[in-house]
Amino acid sequence: MSDDSFETPGAYSLPDYLRDGLRVVSIGLNPSMGSVAAGYYFANPRNRFWQALNRSRLVGEDLLPGQESVEHLFRVHGIGFTDVVKRPTRSASAIRREDFRRGAVDLHEKILLYRPPIAWFHGMIAWRNQMKFGEGITGPANWGAQDYRIGETRVFVTPNPSPANAAYSLEIICRCYAELKAFIETA
């Protein structure tokens, strides 16, 4: 998936890393402008994704932030990448209701098409908007494994590693990623 074309209808974005046979799909809220400019997911140097991934031993090897690592996770570890909303913004507050409505329906269809065992949502905003606009449900959501499935795909939610989500420390995010690792092993 080293396609350098980030064009989506009306905007530039990051490409989806999706295919049959994935173990898990990492689902962010939406791409940041910095990630789109850099060309890979979680590109902000202050984003804690890569640190948490390495410290939690989620994949059993240390990876440096970069497109090569995204492709390595995709090819070697069966971890795909996408977002609820594909339109990049400078902050989550710039995401419009219509973005969620369109993006969540598209994501629902992608999950049904590729049937990964686990959909891994980064943050409650991503998961709650997927529930509302993509699944047509409302209700309680907690960190970790969810009772709801998208088709046959199980859902797991961890705190968003974005630097804008300072309410959750790196240690908490690492613990959640370690729980995700145990959840993947049971899938």
Protein backbone atom coordinates (compact mmCIF):
# COMPACT_ATOMS: atom_id res chain seq x y z
CA MET A 1 0.00 0.00 0.00
CA SER A 2 2.76 2.46 -0.75
CA ASP A 3 0.41 4.39 -3.01
CA ASP A 4 1.32 8.06 -2.57
CA SER A 5 -2.06 9.23 -3.81
CA PHE A 6 -4.03 10.55 -0.87
CA GLU A 7 -6.91 11.93 -2.86
CA THR A 8 -10.41 11.23 -1.66
CA PRO A 9 -13.60 12.91 -2.81
CA GLY A 10 -13.03 16.62 -2.29
CA ALA A 11 -9.98 16.35 0.00
CA TYR A 12 -6.63 14.76 0.62
CA SER A 13 -6.33 12.05 3.23
CA LEU A 14 -4.37 8.96 4.16
CA PRO A 15 -5.02 5.76 2.24
CA ASP A 16 -6.79 2.88 3.92
CA TYR A 17 -4.66 -0.15 4.71
CA LEU A 18 -7.35 -2.79 4.37
CA ARG A 19 -7.42 -6.29 2.88
CA ASP A 20 -8.82 -9.72 3.54
CA GLY A 21 -7.05 -11.71 6.23
CA LEU A 22 -6.18 -8.91 8.64
CA ARG A 23 -6.07 -9.72 12.36
CA VAL A 24 -7.13 -6.25 13.49
CA VAL A 25 -8.01 -2.88 11.99
CA SER A 26 -6.78 0.23 13.79
CA ILE A 27 -9.46 2.92 13.47
CA GLY A 28 -8.72 6.54 14.27
CA LEU A 29 -11.13 9.43 14.51
CA ASN A 30 -9.72 11.16 11.42
CA PRO A 31 -6.29 11.94 9.99
CA SER A 32 -4.48 15.00 11.22
CA MET A 33 -3.15 17.49 8.70
CA GLY A 34 0.37 16.61 9.90
CA SER A 35 -0.14 12.90 9.26
CA VAL A 36 -1.45 13.58 5.77
CA ALA A 37 1.56 15.83 5.05
CA ALA A 38 3.97 13.17 6.39
CA GLY A 39 2.14 10.39 4.56
CA TYR A 40 1.51 7.98 7.43
CA TYR A 41 -0.76 7.34 10.40
CA PHE A 42 0.15 8.78 13.84
CA ALA A 43 2.87 11.05 12.42
CA ASN A 44 2.72 13.79 15.06
CA PRO A 45 5.94 13.37 17.08
CA ARG A 46 3.90 13.99 20.26
CA ASN A 47 1.36 11.29 19.39
CA ARG A 48 1.83 8.38 21.81
CA PHE A 49 0.75 5.58 19.46
CA TRP A 50 4.25 4.39 18.55
CA GLN A 51 5.54 4.60 22.13
CA ALA A 52 2.54 2.69 23.46
CA LEU A 53 2.78 0.11 20.68
CA ASN A 54 6.43 -0.55 21.55
CA ARG A 55 6.13 -0.43 25.35
CA SER A 56 3.07 -2.67 25.43
CA ARG A 57 4.80 -5.26 23.20
CA LEU A 58 1.59 -5.37 21.18
CA VAL A 59 3.48 -6.74 18.17
CA GLY A 60 6.62 -7.98 19.93
CA GLU A 61 9.09 -5.68 18.20
CA ASP A 62 9.98 -2.01 18.36
CA LEU A 63 9.01 0.11 15.38
CA LEU A 64 9.96 3.68 14.53
CA PRO A 65 7.23 6.08 13.42
CA GLY A 66 6.98 6.12 9.63
CA GLN A 67 5.24 4.83 6.55
CA GLU A 68 7.56 1.81 6.48
CA SER A 69 6.36 0.80 9.95
CA VAL A 70 2.70 1.22 8.95
CA GLU A 71 3.34 -1.03 5.94
CA HIS A 72 5.26 -3.51 8.13
CA LEU A 73 2.35 -3.71 10.60
CA PHE A 74 0.03 -4.25 7.63
CA ARG A 75 2.09 -6.90 5.83
CA VAL A 76 3.75 -8.76 8.71
CA HIS A 77 1.40 -8.36 11.67
CA GLY A 78 -1.96 -8.14 9.89
CA ILE A 79 -2.86 -4.74 11.33
CA GLY A 80 -4.79 -2.49 8.98
CA PHE A 81 -5.46 1.24 9.29
CA THR A 82 -8.39 3.51 8.53
CA ASP A 83 -10.48 6.24 10.17
CA VAL A 84 -14.12 6.89 10.97
CA VAL A 85 -13.85 10.18 9.06
CA LYS A 86 -11.38 10.37 6.18
CA ARG A 87 -11.38 14.19 5.97
CA PRO A 88 -8.26 15.58 7.66
CA THR A 89 -8.67 18.44 10.11
CA ARG A 90 -6.47 20.44 12.45
CA SER A 91 -8.58 19.37 15.43
CA ALA A 92 -11.47 17.04 16.23
CA SER A 93 -13.75 20.03 16.78
CA ALA A 94 -13.58 20.74 13.03
CA ILE A 95 -15.30 17.44 12.17
CA ARG A 96 -18.86 18.06 11.01
CA ARG A 97 -21.91 15.93 11.72
CA GLU A 98 -22.13 15.14 8.01
CA ASP A 99 -18.53 13.88 8.10
CA PHE A 100 -19.50 11.40 10.82
CA ARG A 101 -22.69 10.41 9.04
CA ARG A 102 -20.93 9.64 5.76
CA GLY A 103 -17.72 8.24 7.29
CA ALA A 104 -19.38 5.88 9.76
CA VAL A 105 -21.58 4.32 7.07
CA ASP A 106 -18.52 3.88 4.82
CA LEU A 107 -16.55 2.33 7.69
CA HIS A 108 -19.39 -0.07 8.50
CA GLU A 109 -19.34 -1.29 4.89
CA LYS A 110 -15.53 -1.65 4.90
CA ILE A 111 -15.66 -3.77 8.06
CA LEU A 112 -18.39 -5.98 6.59
CA LEU A 113 -16.37 -6.34 3.37
CA TYR A 114 -13.00 -7.24 4.92
CA ARG A 115 -14.31 -9.01 8.06
CA PRO A 116 -11.35 -8.47 10.39
CA PRO A 117 -11.72 -10.37 13.68
CA ILE A 118 -11.18 -7.12 15.64
CA ALA A 119 -11.97 -3.46 15.00
CA TRP A 120 -9.74 -1.35 17.29
CA PHE A 121 -11.13 2.14 17.87
CA HIS A 122 -8.86 4.90 19.15
CA GLY A 123 -11.01 6.93 21.51
CA MET A 124 -14.61 7.20 22.64
CA ILE A 125 -15.39 9.97 20.16
CA ALA A 126 -14.52 7.64 17.29
CA TRP A 127 -16.44 4.70 18.73
CA ARG A 128 -19.54 6.62 19.89
CA ASN A 129 -19.90 8.33 16.51
CA GLN A 130 -19.49 4.98 14.76
CA MET A 131 -22.18 3.52 17.03
CA LYS A 132 -24.57 6.38 16.35
CA PHE A 133 -24.08 6.98 12.63
CA GLY A 134 -22.76 3.65 11.36
CA GLU A 135 -24.52 1.15 13.57
CA GLY A 136 -27.69 3.06 14.45
CA ILE A 137 -27.37 2.40 18.18
CA THR A 138 -26.76 4.41 21.29
CA GLY A 139 -25.80 3.12 24.64
CA PRO A 140 -23.01 2.70 27.09
CA ALA A 141 -19.47 2.24 25.92
CA ASN A 142 -16.47 1.41 28.03
CA TRP A 143 -12.78 1.00 27.42
CA GLY A 144 -11.77 -2.43 26.19
CA ALA A 145 -13.95 -5.09 24.62
CA GLN A 146 -17.46 -4.01 23.66
CA ASP A 147 -20.58 -6.16 23.73
CA TYR A 148 -21.53 -4.94 20.23
CA ARG A 149 -20.12 -6.49 17.04
CA ILE A 150 -20.03 -5.07 13.54
CA GLY A 151 -21.10 -8.11 11.57
CA GLU A 152 -18.84 -10.80 13.05
CA THR A 153 -16.12 -8.29 13.96
CA ARG A 154 -15.46 -7.80 17.66
CA VAL A 155 -14.83 -4.24 18.85
CA PHE A 156 -12.12 -3.01 21.23
CA VAL A 157 -11.72 0.63 22.33
CA THR A 158 -8.58 2.26 23.73
CA PRO A 159 -7.93 5.91 24.60
CA ASN A 160 -6.93 8.06 21.67
CA PRO A 161 -3.11 8.45 21.76
CA SER A 162 -3.35 11.97 20.33
CA PRO A 163 -1.51 14.67 22.28
CA ALA A 164 -4.86 16.48 22.43
CA ASN A 165 -6.09 13.66 24.70
CA ALA A 166 -3.86 14.50 27.68
CA ALA A 167 -6.39 13.09 30.15
CA TYR A 168 -4.88 9.64 29.58
CA SER A 169 -1.22 9.07 30.41
CA LEU A 170 1.14 7.01 28.32
CA GLU A 171 1.07 4.38 31.08
CA ILE A 172 -2.72 4.04 30.85
CA ILE A 173 -2.58 3.81 27.06
CA CYS A 174 0.16 1.14 27.31
CA ARG A 175 -2.00 -0.87 29.72
CA CYS A 176 -4.92 -0.66 27.31
CA TYR A 177 -2.71 -1.81 24.41
CA ALA A 178 -1.51 -4.74 26.53
CA GLU A 179 -5.18 -5.65 27.15
CA LEU A 180 -5.76 -5.41 23.40
CA LYS A 181 -2.87 -7.82 22.84
CA ALA A 182 -4.51 -10.37 25.17
CA PHE A 183 -7.85 -9.79 23.41
CA ILE A 184 -6.26 -10.40 19.98
CA GLU A 185 -4.78 -13.66 21.24
CA THR A 186 -8.28 -14.89 22.14
CA ALA A 187 -9.81 -13.97 18.77
